Amino acid sequence: MSGYRSNIGKPRLSLISPWAQEGLARVLTFGAQKYAAHNWAKGLSFSETIDSLERHLAALKRGEDIDPESKLPHVDHIQCNAMFLSHYMALPEYRAFDDRWKRGGGRTRQAKDTRRRKRAHRVRRGRSASR
């Protein structure tokens, strides 16, 4: 006789490729050595993260498999940037980093508010607001 566990509706994490997961971990390890462990969790702008993802994708499309700086596969850098965006988009505390262009409204309201706060802070410190 064996026990019963209901996993209905739960994500099947065992479906994730261990090779892809290891590649992602290698890129995160490289980033931890270059910046700091979990530096990405402090928040990065969505546009900069998308730019990085697209640069690695463009290199991959040109036939370049390995990133010259990290010596790691571009595809692993792509999944790393996608992980960052997925994390940011899943959690409301990262909304302030969403600076994507929105049709009909320019940047997101959160990004506008962030810029407005930064501008006010510079003015309070005696710096020009037009930086």
C-alpha atoms as a PDB file:
ATOM      1  CA  MET A   1       0.000   0.000   0.000  1.00  0.00           C
ATOM      2  CA  SER A   2       1.263   3.507  -0.769  1.00  0.00           C
ATOM      3  CA  GLY A   3       0.310   6.956   0.408  1.00  0.00           C
ATOM      4  CA  TYR A   4      -1.765   9.422  -1.580  1.00  0.00           C
ATOM      5  CA  ARG A   5      -0.824  12.952  -2.495  1.00  0.00           C
ATOM      6  CA  SER A   6      -3.036  15.218  -4.584  1.00  0.00           C
ATOM      7  CA  ASN A   7      -0.974  17.087  -7.152  1.00  0.00           C
ATOM      8  CA  ILE A   8      -3.909  18.049  -9.347  1.00  0.00           C
ATOM      9  CA  GLY A   9      -3.481  21.572 -10.669  1.00  0.00           C
ATOM     10  CA  LYS A  10       0.082  21.918  -9.386  1.00  0.00           C
ATOM     11  CA  PRO A  11       2.926  22.688 -11.788  1.00  0.00           C
ATOM     12  CA  ARG A  12       4.971  19.661 -12.784  1.00  0.00           C
ATOM     13  CA  LEU A  13       8.467  20.961 -12.144  1.00  0.00           C
ATOM     14  CA  SER A  14       9.858  17.570 -13.134  1.00  0.00           C
ATOM     15  CA  LEU A  15       9.067  18.518 -16.740  1.00  0.00           C
ATOM     16  CA  ILE A  16      11.852  21.118 -16.752  1.00  0.00           C
ATOM     17  CA  SER A  17      14.941  19.949 -18.613  1.00  0.00           C
ATOM     18  CA  PRO A  18      17.823  19.461 -16.177  1.00  0.00           C
ATOM     19  CA  TRP A  19      20.249  20.511 -18.942  1.00  0.00           C
ATOM     20  CA  ALA A  20      18.398  23.792 -19.502  1.00  0.00           C
ATOM     21  CA  GLN A  21      18.106  24.325 -15.764  1.00  0.00           C
ATOM     22  CA  GLU A  22      21.839  23.783 -15.341  1.00  0.00           C
ATOM     23  CA  GLY A  23      22.571  26.253 -18.155  1.00  0.00           C
ATOM     24  CA  LEU A  24      20.377  28.832 -16.439  1.00  0.00           C
ATOM     25  CA  ALA A  25      22.222  28.202 -13.168  1.00  0.00           C
ATOM     26  CA  ARG A  26      25.587  28.699 -14.894  1.00  0.00           C
ATOM     27  CA  VAL A  27      24.497  32.121 -16.201  1.00  0.00           C
ATOM     28  CA  LEU A  28      23.173  33.090 -12.766  1.00  0.00           C
ATOM     29  CA  THR A  29      26.474  31.971 -11.221  1.00  0.00           C
ATOM     30  CA  PHE A  30      28.392  34.111 -13.720  1.00  0.00           C
ATOM     31  CA  GLY A  31      26.163  37.070 -12.813  1.00  0.00           C
ATOM     32  CA  ALA A  32      26.664  36.447  -9.095  1.00  0.00           C
ATOM     33  CA  GLN A  33      30.436  36.553  -9.587  1.00  0.00           C
ATOM     34  CA  LYS A  34      30.298  39.664 -11.777  1.00  0.00           C
ATOM     35  CA  TYR A  35      27.753  41.658  -9.724  1.00  0.00           C
ATOM     36  CA  ALA A  36      26.484  39.909  -6.567  1.00  0.00           C
ATOM     37  CA  ALA A  37      24.294  36.929  -5.757  1.00  0.00           C
ATOM     38  CA  HIS A  38      20.634  37.836  -6.345  1.00  0.00           C
ATOM     39  CA  ASN A  39      21.575  41.279  -7.708  1.00  0.00           C
ATOM     40  CA  TRP A  40      18.832  40.835 -10.334  1.00  0.00           C
ATOM     41  CA  ALA A  41      16.245  40.463  -7.541  1.00  0.00           C
ATOM     42  CA  LYS A  42      16.824  44.113  -6.584  1.00  0.00           C
ATOM     43  CA  GLY A  43      15.023  44.902  -9.843  1.00  0.00           C
ATOM     44  CA  LEU A  44      16.154  45.828 -13.330  1.00  0.00           C
ATOM     45  CA  SER A  45      14.198  47.911 -15.793  1.00  0.00           C
ATOM     46  CA  PHE A  46      12.033  45.821 -18.080  1.00  0.00           C
ATOM     47  CA  SER A  47      13.429  47.593 -21.155  1.00  0.00           C
ATOM     48  CA  GLU A  48      17.065  46.878 -20.224  1.00  0.00           C
ATOM     49  CA  THR A  49      16.212  43.240 -19.505  1.00  0.00           C
ATOM     50  CA  ILE A  50      14.389  42.912 -22.844  1.00  0.00           C
ATOM     51  CA  ASP A  51      17.312  44.627 -24.609  1.00  0.00           C
ATOM     52  CA  SER A  52      19.733  42.100 -23.132  1.00  0.00           C
ATOM     53  CA  LEU A  53      17.482  39.196 -24.095  1.00  0.00           C
ATOM     54  CA  GLU A  54      17.187  40.525 -27.649  1.00  0.00           C
ATOM     55  CA  ARG A  55      20.960  41.070 -28.008  1.00  0.00           C
ATOM     56  CA  HIS A  56      21.563  37.430 -27.068  1.00  0.00           C
ATOM     57  CA  LEU A  57      18.766  36.344 -29.407  1.00  0.00           C
ATOM     58  CA  ALA A  58      20.250  38.378 -32.282  1.00  0.00           C
ATOM     59  CA  ALA A  59      23.662  36.793 -31.701  1.00  0.00           C
ATOM     60  CA  LEU A  60      22.065  33.343 -31.689  1.00  0.00           C
ATOM     61  CA  LYS A  61      20.198  34.143 -34.933  1.00  0.00           C
ATOM     62  CA  ARG A  62      23.509  35.226 -36.523  1.00  0.00           C
ATOM     63  CA  GLY A  63      24.885  31.773 -35.730  1.00  0.00           C
ATOM     64  CA  GLU A  64      26.911  32.712 -32.670  1.00  0.00           C
ATOM     65  CA  ASP A  65      26.299  30.064 -30.019  1.00  0.00           C
ATOM     66  CA  ILE A  66      28.626  31.206 -27.232  1.00  0.00           C
ATOM     67  CA  ASP A  67      28.680  34.623 -25.560  1.00  0.00           C
ATOM     68  CA  PRO A  68      32.262  35.963 -25.851  1.00  0.00           C
ATOM     69  CA  GLU A  69      32.298  37.555 -22.369  1.00  0.00           C
ATOM     70  CA  SER A  70      30.884  34.738 -20.251  1.00  0.00           C
ATOM     71  CA  LYS A  71      31.858  31.836 -22.531  1.00  0.00           C
ATOM     72  CA  LEU A  72      28.339  30.490 -21.905  1.00  0.00           C
ATOM     73  CA  PRO A  73      25.618  29.726 -24.488  1.00  0.00           C
ATOM     74  CA  HIS A  74      23.523  32.679 -25.670  1.00  0.00           C
ATOM     75  CA  VAL A  75      20.436  30.501 -25.290  1.00  0.00           C
ATOM     76  CA  ASP A  76      21.126  30.227 -21.558  1.00  0.00           C
ATOM     77  CA  HIS A  77      21.439  34.024 -21.291  1.00  0.00           C
ATOM     78  CA  ILE A  78      18.101  34.286 -23.124  1.00  0.00           C
ATOM     79  CA  GLN A  79      16.360  31.999 -20.653  1.00  0.00           C
ATOM     80  CA  CYS A  80      17.966  33.893 -17.761  1.00  0.00           C
ATOM     81  CA  ASN A  81      16.578  37.226 -18.986  1.00  0.00           C
ATOM     82  CA  ALA A  82      13.206  35.571 -19.589  1.00  0.00           C
ATOM     83  CA  MET A  83      13.301  34.274 -16.002  1.00  0.00           C
ATOM     84  CA  PHE A  84      13.962  37.799 -14.718  1.00  0.00           C
ATOM     85  CA  LEU A  85      10.988  39.173 -16.662  1.00  0.00           C
ATOM     86  CA  SER A  86       8.749  36.310 -15.559  1.00  0.00           C
ATOM     87  CA  HIS A  87       9.712  36.962 -11.930  1.00  0.00           C
ATOM     88  CA  TYR A  88       9.188  40.720 -12.240  1.00  0.00           C
ATOM     89  CA  MET A  89       5.832  40.358 -13.965  1.00  0.00           C
ATOM     90  CA  ALA A  90       4.558  37.833 -11.411  1.00  0.00           C
ATOM     91  CA  LEU A  91       5.204  40.058  -8.382  1.00  0.00           C
ATOM     92  CA  PRO A  92       3.575  43.471  -7.873  1.00  0.00           C
ATOM     93  CA  GLU A  93       6.598  44.973  -6.084  1.00  0.00           C
ATOM     94  CA  TYR A  94       8.449  45.095  -9.424  1.00  0.00           C
ATOM     95  CA  ARG A  95       5.828  47.215 -11.219  1.00  0.00           C
ATOM     96  CA  ALA A  96       7.964  50.328 -10.752  1.00  0.00           C
ATOM     97  CA  PHE A  97      10.590  48.747 -13.054  1.00  0.00           C
ATOM     98  CA  ASP A  98       8.091  48.341 -15.912  1.00  0.00           C
ATOM     99  CA  ASP A  99       9.245  51.046 -18.310  1.00  0.00           C
ATOM    100  CA  ARG A 100       7.971  49.418 -21.486  1.00  0.00           C
ATOM    101  CA  TRP A 101       6.381  51.645 -24.098  1.00  0.00           C
ATOM    102  CA  LYS A 102       2.583  51.353 -23.976  1.00  0.00           C
ATOM    103  CA  ARG A 103       0.513  52.109 -27.069  1.00  0.00           C
ATOM    104  CA  GLY A 104      -1.469  55.293 -26.642  1.00  0.00           C
ATOM    105  CA  GLY A 105       0.011  56.108 -23.278  1.00  0.00           C
ATOM    106  CA  GLY A 106       3.765  56.259 -23.547  1.00  0.00           C
ATOM    107  CA  ARG A 107       5.583  54.622 -20.688  1.00  0.00           C
ATOM    108  CA  THR A 108       3.640  52.844 -17.986  1.00  0.00           C
ATOM    109  CA  ARG A 109       2.214  54.925 -15.157  1.00  0.00           C
ATOM    110  CA  GLN A 110       4.555  53.252 -12.690  1.00  0.00           C
ATOM    111  CA  ALA A 111       7.609  54.222 -14.759  1.00  0.00           C
ATOM    112  CA  LYS A 112       6.320  57.798 -15.051  1.00  0.00           C
ATOM    113  CA  ASP A 113       5.781  57.945 -11.285  1.00  0.00           C
ATOM    114  CA  THR A 114       9.298  56.608 -10.694  1.00  0.00           C
ATOM    115  CA  ARG A 115      10.809  59.252 -12.993  1.00  0.00           C
ATOM    116  CA  ARG A 116       8.727  61.953 -11.282  1.00  0.00           C
ATOM    117  CA  ARG A 117       9.950  60.853  -7.821  1.00  0.00           C
ATOM    118  CA  LYS A 118      13.582  60.800  -9.015  1.00  0.00           C
ATOM    119  CA  ARG A 119      13.184  64.265 -10.532  1.00  0.00           C
ATOM    120  CA  ALA A 120      11.665  65.629  -7.300  1.00  0.00           C
ATOM    121  CA  HIS A 121      14.502  64.068  -5.306  1.00  0.00           C
ATOM    122  CA  ARG A 122      17.114  65.781  -7.517  1.00  0.00           C
ATOM    123  CA  VAL A 123      15.332  69.136  -7.102  1.00  0.00           C
ATOM    124  CA  ARG A 124      15.249  68.703  -3.299  1.00  0.00           C
ATOM    125  CA  ARG A 125      19.002  67.976  -3.359  1.00  0.00           C
ATOM    126  CA  GLY A 126      19.633  71.147  -5.365  1.00  0.00           C
ATOM    127  CA  ARG A 127      20.247  69.465  -8.719  1.00  0.00           C
ATOM    128  CA  SER A 128      18.600  70.271 -12.013  1.00  0.00           C
ATOM    129  CA  ALA A 129      15.299  68.530 -12.663  1.00  0.00           C
ATOM    130  CA  SER A 130      16.052  68.305 -16.382  1.00  0.00           C
ATOM    131  CA  ARG A 131      18.792  65.660 -16.103  1.00  0.00           C
END
